[in-house]
Amino acid sequence: MMVEEPIAILLVDDRPENLMALEAVLESQQYDLIKANSGEEALRQLLRKDFAVIVLDVQMPGINGIETAKLIKARDKTKDIPIIFISANSKDVEHLFAGYSAGGIDYMVKPFIPQILRSKIEGFVNMYITNQRHKTQSLLLQQKTLELERINQELLQAKNVAEIAAKAKTEFLAMMSHEIRTPMNGVIGMIDLLLETELQGEQKEYAEIIHNSAGTLVTVINDILDFTKMESGKMELEESPFDLRLGIQEVFHLFSMDEKRKGLEMLYFIEENIPTVLYGDMSRLRQVLINLIANAIKFTDQGGVYLVVSSQVDEDNNLVLEFTVKDTGIGIAHDKIDRLFKPFSQLDSSMTRKYGGTGLGLAICQTLVHMMGGTIRVEPMEEQGATFVFDITVRQYEEVEETVPTSTQLLPTNISVVTERILVVDDHHINQRLMVSMLRKLGYHCDIAEDGKQAVEMVQNSEGYDFIFMDLQMPVMDGLEATLLIREGEENGEKAKIIAMTANVMDGIKSKCLLTGMDDYISKPIQLSSLKNILGKYIATPLR
């Protein structure tokens, strides 16, 4: 096989005529024949060049062939070069043994047969070429290995940087959620309390405007936070038994004021064969329904909004629910349907000005529906209006004999009668005043702790509390650590119901609260109705 450079072969003999004979036999464009007339000259040539094979005369003056071979084999760089001895002595067995012992791998007797010598040289040259290829491939493999190791190291560093960035993003989201929702908690809570007081007609109108505006702002904040959670992969499903009919009834009840204000017809139909209690994430389903129905109402001035729920069983015996939300509003142009589910997308700038919104609602709906094992689409309408269809996969809940007090989860049945021993733990003074006022509205008195450390001390130095409303993010000691210490100090008797209250909307925070010993969770902004519901879950006697 031809290579780019001729293969070097070293010919060693003290007689010029023998060198010329070897050269004549082996002459080829493939070979670079280097001649040396002594052992010393051969050793010098080996320092200058790499050789595929050495043809070495045995009997030479000075350093003979045997001694020259021993010196060649003693050097690391040349020890693997094959040596063919050529000698005029064909009968001296001891002479042959000495040659092989010195490192020769073949032995030829003068006068040699040219074809045999040429064949032997070709064999050793091919071995040399193969070895060189292996060395080259090995070197390339080592280079590739080093390159892969370098790339893997860079990927590992990039992964670490990405994880740090993701962690920072998550922490920033949690912090921003807390910082945004904490003042909103004060705004909405105080407006709720204000609306419970006796107001003149104009004052009530102003208060309701503030309340509605605050609700709109919370919706925008929730959209942005939900989208950020989905983008960072932090959104998870929390599945539990739920009552589908009650959940849909609650969703429609939310829009009763809009229904009356705009004079719309709002109806829903649920197939009778759908079980009462199902197993899935009603909270996320409610979020999708609220978004779609809110959009339908927003873009409909006459006619109505309608919801139809049907079902079928898939091959895994799961229930596939299909929801169809239809309205008689302004409709959607066919050439703009593909933009509907893109984040921050509005159909045109006039829409943004007239109807508002972040353009995130449908993108969030699509992600939530995918998480629940379904798809969402817009069906073409021949008449005016729009029709959105989505499906989700839920499981049939077997233990239907249990009571389902709410649409999102089964509530505890181990309810005990409680007194008015309530502790509120929050570092924010507005939130403290809000909780005091709300609890007073419900007929309860409460104590206040500024942080987790103070809360632990108050629990230890009192007869105990029936309810502890615990903020999570506080200076000195946070709510999770305080809960652990409170639980450690409690005896085997009755334990306080510890309710987490936080503006942190990150998924997984609820499970973290329960792991530390908390009993329940209420999200800011806290409304009077939410507080009443959470207390009602654990109090046997009616709230005042």
Protein backbone atom coordinates (compact mmCIF):
# COMPACT_ATOMS: atom_id res chain seq x y z
CA MET A 1 0.00 0.00 0.00
CA MET A 2 1.40 3.38 -0.98
CA VAL A 3 2.03 6.00 1.71
CA GLU A 4 2.89 9.66 1.46
CA GLU A 5 6.58 9.29 2.37
CA PRO A 6 8.97 6.45 1.39
CA ILE A 7 9.61 3.87 4.09
CA ALA A 8 13.16 4.05 5.48
CA ILE A 9 15.19 0.83 5.46
CA LEU A 10 18.70 0.64 6.96
CA LEU A 11 21.25 -1.52 5.10
CA VAL A 12 24.43 -2.25 7.12
CA ASP A 13 27.52 -3.98 5.60
CA ASP A 14 31.22 -3.16 5.63
CA ARG A 15 31.65 -4.20 2.01
CA PRO A 16 30.45 -1.66 -0.62
CA GLU A 17 29.65 -4.33 -3.18
CA ASN A 18 27.28 -6.05 -0.73
CA LEU A 19 25.53 -2.76 -0.09
CA MET A 20 25.15 -2.19 -3.83
CA ALA A 21 23.70 -5.71 -4.22
CA LEU A 22 21.16 -5.10 -1.43
CA GLU A 23 20.27 -1.76 -2.93
CA ALA A 24 19.71 -3.31 -6.36
CA VAL A 25 17.42 -6.01 -4.94
CA LEU A 26 15.31 -3.65 -2.84
CA GLU A 27 15.23 -0.57 -5.07
CA SER A 28 11.68 0.85 -5.12
CA GLN A 29 9.93 4.22 -4.98
CA GLN A 30 8.26 2.95 -1.86
CA TYR A 31 11.55 2.59 0.01
CA ASP A 32 14.17 5.07 1.20
CA LEU A 33 17.31 2.91 1.36
CA ILE A 34 19.89 4.24 3.84
CA LYS A 35 23.36 2.61 3.72
CA ALA A 36 25.86 2.27 6.57
CA ASN A 37 29.31 0.63 6.22
CA SER A 38 29.85 -0.08 9.94
CA GLY A 39 28.03 -0.65 13.21
CA GLU A 40 29.03 2.83 14.41
CA GLU A 41 27.58 4.45 11.27
CA ALA A 42 24.39 2.40 11.65
CA LEU A 43 23.92 3.66 15.21
CA ARG A 44 24.41 7.26 14.06
CA GLN A 45 21.75 6.80 11.34
CA LEU A 46 19.32 5.43 13.92
CA LEU A 47 19.66 8.66 15.86
CA ARG A 48 18.57 10.69 12.82
CA LYS A 49 15.69 8.68 11.40
CA ASP A 50 13.01 6.09 12.06
CA PHE A 51 13.40 2.80 10.17
CA ALA A 52 10.90 0.08 9.29
CA VAL A 53 13.49 -2.71 9.14
CA ILE A 54 17.28 -3.20 9.42
CA VAL A 55 19.32 -5.54 7.20
CA LEU A 56 22.51 -6.16 9.21
CA ASP A 57 25.72 -7.98 8.26
CA VAL A 58 27.11 -10.12 11.09
CA GLN A 59 30.83 -10.03 10.43
CA MET A 60 32.15 -6.48 10.36
CA PRO A 61 35.31 -4.89 11.71
CA GLY A 62 35.01 -2.81 14.88
CA ILE A 63 31.53 -3.35 16.26
CA ASN A 64 30.21 -6.47 14.56
CA GLY A 65 26.56 -7.13 13.73
CA ILE A 66 25.78 -9.02 16.97
CA GLU A 67 27.11 -6.20 19.18
CA THR A 68 25.39 -3.59 16.99
CA ALA A 69 22.05 -5.44 17.37
CA LYS A 70 22.44 -5.55 21.16
CA LEU A 71 23.01 -1.78 21.26
CA ILE A 72 19.98 -1.20 19.02
CA LYS A 73 17.75 -3.35 21.27
CA ALA A 74 19.02 -1.60 24.38
CA ARG A 75 17.54 1.73 23.22
CA ASP A 76 13.80 2.31 23.80
CA LYS A 77 13.23 4.15 20.55
CA THR A 78 14.79 1.42 18.37
CA LYS A 79 14.23 -1.78 20.34
CA ASP A 80 11.14 -2.77 18.30
CA ILE A 81 12.73 -2.41 14.85
CA PRO A 82 12.95 -5.86 13.22
CA ILE A 83 16.54 -6.95 12.33
CA ILE A 84 17.40 -9.37 9.51
CA PHE A 85 20.91 -10.79 9.89
CA ILE A 86 22.94 -11.64 6.74
CA SER A 87 25.99 -13.81 7.11
CA ALA A 88 28.33 -15.89 4.96
CA ASN A 89 28.53 -18.53 7.70
CA SER A 90 25.69 -21.02 7.20
CA LYS A 91 26.80 -23.89 9.44
CA ASP A 92 27.78 -22.30 12.74
CA VAL A 93 24.79 -23.05 14.99
CA GLU A 94 26.31 -21.04 17.82
CA HIS A 95 26.64 -18.10 15.46
CA LEU A 96 22.93 -18.36 14.57
CA PHE A 97 21.91 -18.59 18.24
CA ALA A 98 23.97 -15.51 19.07
CA GLY A 99 22.18 -13.54 16.33
CA TYR A 100 18.72 -14.47 17.57
CA SER A 101 19.77 -13.84 21.16
CA ALA A 102 20.91 -10.35 20.17
CA GLY A 103 17.40 -9.53 18.92
CA GLY A 104 17.35 -10.60 15.30
CA ILE A 105 14.05 -11.98 14.06
CA ASP A 106 15.34 -13.51 10.82
CA TYR A 107 18.59 -14.87 9.41
CA MET A 108 19.73 -15.13 5.76
CA VAL A 109 22.84 -16.69 4.35
CA LYS A 110 24.98 -15.20 1.61
CA PRO A 111 24.54 -15.48 -1.24
CA PHE A 112 20.81 -14.81 -0.56
CA ILE A 113 17.96 -15.29 -3.00
CA PRO A 114 16.71 -11.80 -4.03
CA GLN A 115 13.02 -12.77 -4.21
CA ILE A 116 13.08 -14.20 -0.68
CA LEU A 117 14.81 -11.09 0.73
CA ARG A 118 12.39 -8.80 -1.10
CA SER A 119 9.39 -10.81 0.19
CA LYS A 120 10.67 -10.65 3.78
CA ILE A 121 11.27 -6.90 3.52
CA GLU A 122 7.76 -6.33 2.11
CA GLY A 123 6.29 -8.28 5.02
CA PHE A 124 8.15 -6.21 7.62
CA VAL A 125 7.33 -2.96 5.79
CA ASN A 126 3.61 -3.84 5.80
CA MET A 127 3.85 -4.56 9.52
CA TYR A 128 5.54 -1.19 10.00
CA ILE A 129 2.82 0.62 8.02
CA THR A 130 0.11 -1.15 10.04
CA ASN A 131 1.83 -0.25 13.30
CA GLN A 132 2.17 3.37 12.20
CA ARG A 133 -1.52 3.47 11.39
CA HIS A 134 -2.35 2.01 14.77
CA LYS A 135 -0.14 4.59 16.42
CA THR A 136 -1.80 7.37 14.42
CA GLN A 137 -5.27 6.06 15.28
CA SER A 138 -4.25 5.67 18.90
CA LEU A 139 -2.96 9.23 18.93
CA LEU A 140 -6.18 10.47 17.31
CA LEU A 141 -8.18 8.46 19.82
CA GLN A 142 -6.21 10.00 22.66
CA GLN A 143 -6.79 13.44 21.18
CA LYS A 144 -10.49 12.71 20.78
CA THR A 145 -10.62 11.38 24.34
CA LEU A 146 -8.93 14.51 25.62
CA GLU A 147 -11.30 16.61 23.52
CA LEU A 148 -14.31 14.72 24.87
CA GLU A 149 -13.02 15.08 28.41
CA ARG A 150 -12.58 18.81 27.80
CA ILE A 151 -16.09 19.08 26.31
CA ASN A 152 -17.54 17.03 29.19
CA GLN A 153 -15.78 19.30 31.65
CA GLU A 154 -17.17 22.36 29.86
CA LEU A 155 -20.65 20.78 29.82
CA LEU A 156 -20.34 19.99 33.51
CA GLN A 157 -19.31 23.56 34.21
CA ALA A 158 -22.15 24.85 32.01
CA LYS A 159 -24.56 22.50 33.83
CA ASN A 160 -23.36 23.80 37.18
CA VAL A 161 -23.70 27.39 35.97
CA ALA A 162 -27.20 26.61 34.63
CA GLU A 163 -28.21 24.96 37.90
CA ILE A 164 -26.91 27.94 39.87
CA ALA A 165 -28.77 30.27 37.50
CA ALA A 166 -31.95 28.16 37.80
CA LYS A 167 -31.65 28.15 41.58
CA ALA A 168 -31.07 31.91 41.59
CA LYS A 169 -34.08 32.35 39.28
CA THR A 170 -36.23 30.19 41.56
CA GLU A 171 -35.11 32.08 44.66
CA PHE A 172 -35.68 35.39 42.87
CA LEU A 173 -39.16 34.26 41.84
CA ALA A 174 -39.98 33.24 45.39
CA MET A 175 -38.63 36.53 46.74
CA MET A 176 -40.46 38.62 44.14
CA SER A 177 -43.64 36.65 44.78
CA HIS A 178 -43.30 37.46 48.47
CA GLU A 179 -42.47 41.12 47.86
CA ILE A 180 -45.34 41.61 45.40
CA ARG A 181 -48.02 39.63 47.18
CA THR A 182 -47.31 40.95 50.68
CA PRO A 183 -48.48 44.52 49.93
CA MET A 184 -51.29 43.13 47.76
CA ASN A 185 -52.37 41.09 50.77
CA GLY A 186 -52.76 44.33 52.71
CA VAL A 187 -54.63 46.07 49.88
CA ILE A 188 -57.15 43.31 49.16
CA GLY A 189 -57.60 42.33 52.80
CA MET A 190 -58.28 45.87 53.94
CA ILE A 191 -60.69 46.47 51.05
CA ASP A 192 -62.55 43.29 52.05
CA LEU A 193 -62.82 44.62 55.58
CA LEU A 194 -63.84 48.06 54.29
CA LEU A 195 -66.64 46.54 52.21
CA GLU A 196 -67.94 44.80 55.37
CA THR A 197 -68.49 48.19 57.02
CA GLU A 198 -71.42 50.57 56.50
CA LEU A 199 -70.54 52.71 53.49
CA GLN A 200 -72.44 55.37 51.61
CA GLY A 201 -73.34 54.55 48.02
CA GLU A 202 -70.49 56.55 46.47
CA GLN A 203 -67.96 55.22 49.00
CA LYS A 204 -69.02 51.63 48.32
CA GLU A 205 -68.71 52.22 44.58
CA TYR A 206 -65.14 53.53 45.02
CA ALA A 207 -64.23 50.63 47.30
CA GLU A 208 -65.57 48.09 44.80
CA ILE A 209 -63.55 49.74 42.02
CA ILE A 210 -60.40 49.45 44.15
CA HIS A 211 -61.29 45.81 44.95
CA ASN A 212 -61.83 44.91 41.29
CA SER A 213 -58.66 46.71 40.21
CA ALA A 214 -56.66 44.89 42.87
CA GLY A 215 -58.15 41.60 41.70
CA THR A 216 -57.13 42.37 38.12
CA LEU A 217 -53.60 43.19 39.28
CA VAL A 218 -53.39 39.91 41.20
CA THR A 219 -54.48 38.07 38.03
CA VAL A 220 -51.70 39.73 36.02
CA ILE A 221 -49.17 38.95 38.76
CA ASN A 222 -50.32 35.32 38.87
CA ASP A 223 -50.00 34.99 35.09
CA ILE A 224 -46.44 36.31 35.12
CA LEU A 225 -45.40 34.15 38.08
CA ASP A 226 -47.07 31.04 36.60
CA PHE A 227 -45.34 31.59 33.27
CA THR A 228 -41.98 32.03 35.00
CA LYS A 229 -42.53 28.82 36.96
CA MET A 230 -43.41 26.91 33.80
CA GLU A 231 -40.39 28.33 31.98
CA SER A 232 -38.07 27.18 34.76
CA GLY A 233 -39.76 23.77 35.02
CA LYS A 234 -40.91 24.35 38.60
CA MET A 235 -44.64 23.87 38.08
CA GLU A 236 -46.02 20.55 39.29
CA LEU A 237 -49.42 18.92 39.60
CA GLU A 238 -50.97 18.22 43.00
CA GLU A 239 -53.54 15.47 42.47
CA SER A 240 -56.30 14.68 44.96
CA PRO A 241 -59.99 13.65 44.92
CA PHE A 242 -62.34 16.39 43.72
CA ASP A 243 -65.98 16.97 42.86
CA LEU A 244 -66.09 18.04 39.19
CA ARG A 245 -69.66 19.38 39.28
CA LEU A 246 -69.05 21.43 42.43
CA GLY A 247 -65.80 22.76 40.98
CA ILE A 248 -67.47 23.93 37.75
CA GLN A 249 -70.35 25.41 39.75
CA GLU A 250 -67.80 27.45 41.77
CA VAL A 251 -66.10 28.65 38.56
CA PHE A 252 -69.40 29.88 37.10
CA HIS A 253 -70.31 31.49 40.41
CA LEU A 254 -67.13 33.60 40.16
CA PHE A 255 -68.51 35.22 36.99
CA SER A 256 -72.06 35.83 38.23
CA MET A 257 -71.44 39.59 38.54
CA ASP A 258 -70.07 39.77 34.96
CA GLU A 259 -73.03 37.72 33.74
CA LYS A 260 -75.50 40.21 35.24
CA ARG A 261 -73.51 43.28 34.24
CA LYS A 262 -73.27 42.30 30.56
CA GLY A 263 -76.64 40.52 30.41
CA LEU A 264 -75.09 37.28 29.13
CA GLU A 265 -76.46 33.76 29.28
CA MET A 266 -74.01 31.43 31.04
CA LEU A 267 -74.80 27.71 31.04
CA TYR A 268 -72.88 24.49 31.57
CA PHE A 269 -73.75 20.86 30.79
CA ILE A 270 -71.98 17.81 32.26
CA GLU A 271 -72.65 14.28 30.98
CA GLU A 272 -74.56 12.24 33.55
CA ASN A 273 -72.23 9.23 33.25
CA ILE A 274 -69.24 11.20 34.60
CA PRO A 275 -68.58 10.09 38.22
CA THR A 276 -69.17 12.61 40.99
CA VAL A 277 -65.71 12.24 42.53
CA LEU A 278 -62.59 12.07 40.36
CA TYR A 279 -58.86 12.04 41.07
CA GLY A 280 -56.72 14.77 39.53
CA ASP A 281 -55.62 18.39 39.96
CA MET A 282 -58.83 20.44 40.25
CA SER A 283 -56.82 23.55 41.08
CA ARG A 284 -55.07 23.53 37.70
CA LEU A 285 -58.28 22.52 35.89
CA ARG A 286 -60.06 25.43 37.56
CA GLN A 287 -57.26 27.75 36.42
CA VAL A 288 -57.73 26.66 32.79
CA LEU A 289 -61.52 27.01 32.97
CA ILE A 290 -61.37 30.42 34.63
CA ASN A 291 -58.96 31.66 31.96
CA LEU A 292 -61.03 30.40 29.03
CA ILE A 293 -64.37 31.56 30.47
CA ALA A 294 -62.91 34.95 31.44
CA ASN A 295 -61.68 35.38 27.87
CA ALA A 296 -65.07 34.35 26.49
CA ILE A 297 -66.86 36.90 28.69
CA LYS A 298 -64.28 39.60 27.88
CA PHE A 299 -64.86 39.28 24.12
CA THR A 300 -68.65 38.70 24.26
CA ASP A 301 -71.10 41.60 24.54
CA GLN A 302 -74.27 39.79 23.45
CA GLY A 303 -75.46 36.20 23.61
CA GLY A 304 -73.76 33.87 26.04
CA VAL A 305 -70.94 31.61 27.16
CA TYR A 306 -71.46 27.84 27.29
CA LEU A 307 -69.47 24.91 28.70
CA VAL A 308 -70.01 21.26 27.75
CA VAL A 309 -68.16 18.41 29.50
CA SER A 310 -68.11 14.92 27.98
CA SER A 311 -66.01 11.84 28.72
CA GLN A 312 -64.59 8.62 27.38
CA VAL A 313 -62.42 5.85 28.85
CA ASP A 314 -58.94 5.31 27.37
CA GLU A 315 -57.05 2.03 26.96
CA ASP A 316 -55.50 2.36 30.45
CA ASN A 317 -58.97 2.66 32.02
CA ASN A 318 -58.38 6.34 32.77
CA LEU A 319 -61.14 8.84 32.18
CA VAL A 320 -60.55 11.43 29.45
CA LEU A 321 -62.66 14.55 30.03
CA GLU A 322 -63.32 16.86 27.09
CA PHE A 323 -64.28 20.48 27.82
CA THR A 324 -65.82 22.70 25.15
CA VAL A 325 -66.04 26.43 25.89
CA LYS A 326 -68.15 28.29 23.32
CA ASP A 327 -69.09 31.95 23.17
CA THR A 328 -70.98 34.26 20.80
CA GLY A 329 -68.40 37.06 20.88
CA ILE A 330 -66.27 38.79 18.28
CA GLY A 331 -64.59 35.56 17.17
CA ILE A 332 -61.03 34.90 15.97
CA ALA A 333 -59.67 35.51 12.47
CA HIS A 334 -58.42 32.29 10.81
CA ASP A 335 -55.04 33.82 9.95
CA LYS A 336 -54.40 34.67 13.63
CA ILE A 337 -55.29 31.35 15.26
CA ASP A 338 -51.66 30.13 15.15
CA ARG A 339 -50.63 33.03 17.43
CA LEU A 340 -53.16 32.26 20.16
CA PHE A 341 -51.02 30.00 22.33
CA LYS A 342 -47.75 31.94 22.01
CA PRO A 343 -46.55 33.76 25.16
CA PHE A 344 -47.11 37.54 25.29
CA SER A 345 -49.10 37.34 22.06
CA GLN A 346 -52.08 39.61 21.37
CA LEU A 347 -54.05 39.34 18.14
CA ASP A 348 -53.35 43.00 17.42
CA SER A 349 -52.37 46.15 19.24
CA SER A 350 -55.93 47.43 19.42
CA MET A 351 -56.87 44.33 21.38
CA THR A 352 -54.32 45.19 23.99
CA ARG A 353 -55.63 48.69 24.37
CA LYS A 354 -59.33 47.76 24.40
CA TYR A 355 -59.35 44.49 26.27
CA GLY A 356 -56.06 44.44 28.20
CA GLY A 357 -54.23 41.35 29.42
CA THR A 358 -50.67 40.06 29.39
CA GLY A 359 -51.03 37.65 26.47
CA LEU A 360 -49.93 34.82 28.78
CA GLY A 361 -53.27 33.24 29.66
CA LEU A 362 -53.63 30.83 26.75
CA ALA A 363 -49.93 29.91 26.81
CA ILE A 364 -50.35 28.98 30.48
CA CYS A 365 -53.54 27.04 29.66
CA GLN A 366 -51.75 25.04 26.98
CA THR A 367 -48.91 24.10 29.35
CA LEU A 368 -51.31 23.12 32.14
CA VAL A 369 -53.42 21.01 29.78
CA HIS A 370 -50.30 19.24 28.50
CA MET A 371 -49.23 18.57 32.10
CA MET A 372 -52.63 16.95 32.71
CA GLY A 373 -52.13 14.64 29.72
CA GLY A 374 -54.25 16.45 27.16
CA THR A 375 -54.35 18.91 24.28
CA ILE A 376 -56.08 22.23 23.61
CA ARG A 377 -57.26 23.63 20.29
CA VAL A 378 -59.50 26.21 18.68
CA GLU A 379 -62.26 24.91 16.44
CA PRO A 380 -63.19 26.90 13.33
CA MET A 381 -66.50 28.73 13.59
CA GLU A 382 -68.80 29.36 10.65
CA GLU A 383 -70.80 31.82 12.71
CA GLN A 384 -69.62 34.56 15.04
CA GLY A 385 -67.87 33.54 18.25
CA ALA A 386 -65.08 31.22 19.31
CA THR A 387 -64.90 27.62 20.51
CA PHE A 388 -62.02 26.27 22.59
CA VAL A 389 -61.78 22.53 23.17
CA PHE A 390 -59.38 20.82 25.56
CA ASP A 391 -59.15 17.41 27.17
CA ILE A 392 -57.41 16.10 30.29
CA THR A 393 -56.83 12.66 31.76
CA VAL A 394 -58.12 11.91 35.26
CA ARG A 395 -58.55 8.76 37.29
CA GLN A 396 -61.78 7.41 38.68
CA TYR A 397 -61.84 7.69 42.44
CA GLU A 398 -62.89 4.44 44.08
CA GLU A 399 -63.62 5.59 47.64
CA VAL A 400 -66.72 7.54 46.65
CA GLU A 401 -68.35 6.93 50.02
CA GLU A 402 -66.10 9.57 51.60
CA THR A 403 -67.45 13.12 51.84
CA VAL A 404 -65.93 15.74 49.58
CA PRO A 405 -66.58 19.10 51.30
CA THR A 406 -64.75 21.18 48.69
CA SER A 407 -63.99 20.82 45.01
CA THR A 408 -60.25 20.56 45.38
CA GLN A 409 -59.53 18.05 48.16
CA LEU A 410 -60.94 15.80 50.86
CA LEU A 411 -60.92 17.65 54.17
CA PRO A 412 -59.85 16.10 57.49
CA THR A 413 -62.62 14.53 59.56
CA ASN A 414 -60.76 14.64 62.87
CA ILE A 415 -62.22 18.05 63.77
CA SER A 416 -62.02 19.17 67.40
CA VAL A 417 -63.72 22.06 69.16
CA VAL A 418 -61.34 25.00 69.48
CA THR A 419 -61.33 28.09 71.63
CA GLU A 420 -60.13 31.57 70.82
CA ARG A 421 -56.45 30.83 71.43
CA ILE A 422 -54.94 32.02 68.14
CA LEU A 423 -51.39 33.19 67.45
CA VAL A 424 -50.48 35.15 64.31
CA VAL A 425 -46.79 35.10 63.36
CA ASP A 426 -45.82 37.72 60.75
CA ASP A 427 -43.07 40.34 60.55
CA HIS A 428 -45.12 42.68 58.35
CA HIS A 429 -47.15 45.17 60.43
CA ILE A 430 -49.85 45.66 57.80
CA ASN A 431 -50.40 41.92 57.61
CA GLN A 432 -50.56 41.78 61.42
CA ARG A 433 -53.28 44.46 61.50
CA LEU A 434 -55.11 42.72 58.67
CA MET A 435 -55.17 39.35 60.45
CA VAL A 436 -56.24 40.98 63.73
CA SER A 437 -59.10 42.79 61.98
CA MET A 438 -60.24 39.74 60.00
CA LEU A 439 -60.20 37.48 63.05
CA ARG A 440 -62.07 40.11 65.05
CA LYS A 441 -64.70 40.16 62.27
CA LEU A 442 -65.06 36.41 62.77
CA GLY A 443 -65.33 36.88 66.55
CA TYR A 444 -61.81 35.87 67.56
CA HIS A 445 -59.01 37.46 69.52
CA CYS A 446 -55.37 36.72 68.61
CA ASP A 447 -51.83 37.27 69.89
CA ILE A 448 -49.06 38.60 67.62
CA ALA A 449 -45.46 37.39 67.22
CA GLU A 450 -42.96 39.39 65.16
CA ASP A 451 -40.87 36.40 64.01
CA GLY A 452 -40.42 32.66 64.44
CA LYS A 453 -38.17 32.92 67.50
CA GLN A 454 -40.70 35.06 69.36
CA ALA A 455 -43.47 32.64 68.36
CA VAL A 456 -41.57 29.66 69.81
CA GLU A 457 -41.03 31.55 73.07
CA MET A 458 -44.71 32.57 73.28
CA VAL A 459 -45.84 28.97 72.75
CA GLN A 460 -43.42 27.69 75.41
CA ASN A 461 -44.46 30.35 77.94
CA SER A 462 -48.22 29.97 77.52
CA GLU A 463 -50.89 27.33 77.94
CA GLY A 464 -50.65 26.73 74.23
CA TYR A 465 -52.62 27.80 71.17
CA ASP A 466 -55.31 26.11 69.14
CA PHE A 467 -54.33 27.87 65.90
CA ILE A 468 -51.01 29.31 64.80
CA PHE A 469 -51.00 31.26 61.53
CA MET A 470 -47.33 31.10 60.52
CA ASP A 471 -45.69 33.26 57.87
CA LEU A 472 -42.78 31.48 56.16
CA GLN A 473 -40.34 34.22 55.23
CA MET A 474 -39.32 36.18 58.33
CA PRO A 475 -36.12 37.60 59.81
CA VAL A 476 -34.39 36.03 62.87
CA MET A 477 -36.17 32.66 62.38
CA ASP A 478 -38.36 31.59 59.49
CA GLY A 479 -41.69 29.81 59.78
CA LEU A 480 -40.42 26.33 58.87
CA GLU A 481 -37.73 26.30 61.58
CA ALA A 482 -40.17 27.74 64.13
CA THR A 483 -42.70 25.00 63.33
CA LEU A 484 -40.10 22.27 63.87
CA LEU A 485 -39.18 23.70 67.28
CA ILE A 486 -42.85 24.08 68.29
CA ARG A 487 -43.59 20.48 67.30
CA GLU A 488 -40.55 19.23 69.24
CA GLY A 489 -41.76 20.99 72.38
CA GLU A 490 -45.35 19.75 72.22
CA GLU A 491 -46.45 16.93 74.52
CA ASN A 492 -48.56 13.98 73.50
CA GLY A 493 -51.78 15.92 74.13
CA GLU A 494 -53.58 18.23 71.75
CA LYS A 495 -51.37 19.94 69.22
CA ALA A 496 -51.90 23.36 67.69
CA LYS A 497 -53.17 23.58 64.15
CA ILE A 498 -50.33 25.38 62.38
CA ILE A 499 -51.45 27.09 59.17
CA ALA A 500 -48.77 28.33 56.77
CA MET A 501 -49.49 31.73 55.24
CA THR A 502 -47.10 32.91 52.60
CA ALA A 503 -46.78 34.86 49.39
CA ASN A 504 -44.43 32.19 47.97
CA VAL A 505 -46.25 30.56 45.04
CA MET A 506 -43.52 28.07 44.10
CA ASP A 507 -44.75 24.50 43.62
CA GLY A 508 -43.51 22.18 46.33
CA ILE A 509 -43.81 24.76 49.11
CA LYS A 510 -47.00 23.11 50.37
CA SER A 511 -45.34 19.70 50.72
CA LYS A 512 -42.37 21.34 52.45
CA CYS A 513 -44.77 22.92 54.97
CA LEU A 514 -46.49 19.60 55.67
CA LEU A 515 -43.13 17.83 56.14
CA THR A 516 -42.13 20.26 58.88
CA GLY A 517 -45.34 19.56 60.79
CA MET A 518 -47.76 22.19 59.52
CA ASP A 519 -51.39 21.21 59.09
CA ASP A 520 -52.55 23.41 56.25
CA TYR A 521 -51.67 26.23 53.91
CA ILE A 522 -53.25 29.55 52.97
CA SER A 523 -51.84 31.72 50.20
CA LYS A 524 -51.53 35.49 50.25
CA PRO A 525 -53.28 37.74 49.49
CA ILE A 526 -55.54 36.42 52.27
CA GLN A 527 -59.22 37.23 51.94
CA LEU A 528 -61.84 37.11 54.66
CA SER A 529 -63.65 34.23 52.95
CA SER A 530 -60.40 32.20 52.71
CA LEU A 531 -59.68 32.72 56.41
CA LYS A 532 -63.22 31.72 57.32
CA ASN A 533 -62.96 28.55 55.21
CA ILE A 534 -59.61 27.48 56.67
CA LEU A 535 -60.91 27.92 60.23
CA GLY A 536 -64.14 26.14 59.37
CA LYS A 537 -62.20 23.05 58.34
CA TYR A 538 -61.09 22.42 61.93
CA ILE A 539 -63.83 23.93 64.09
CA ALA A 540 -66.86 21.81 64.93
CA THR A 541 -69.06 24.73 66.01
CA PRO A 542 -70.11 27.30 63.40
CA LEU A 543 -68.04 30.45 63.08
CA ARG A 544 -69.64 33.57 64.41
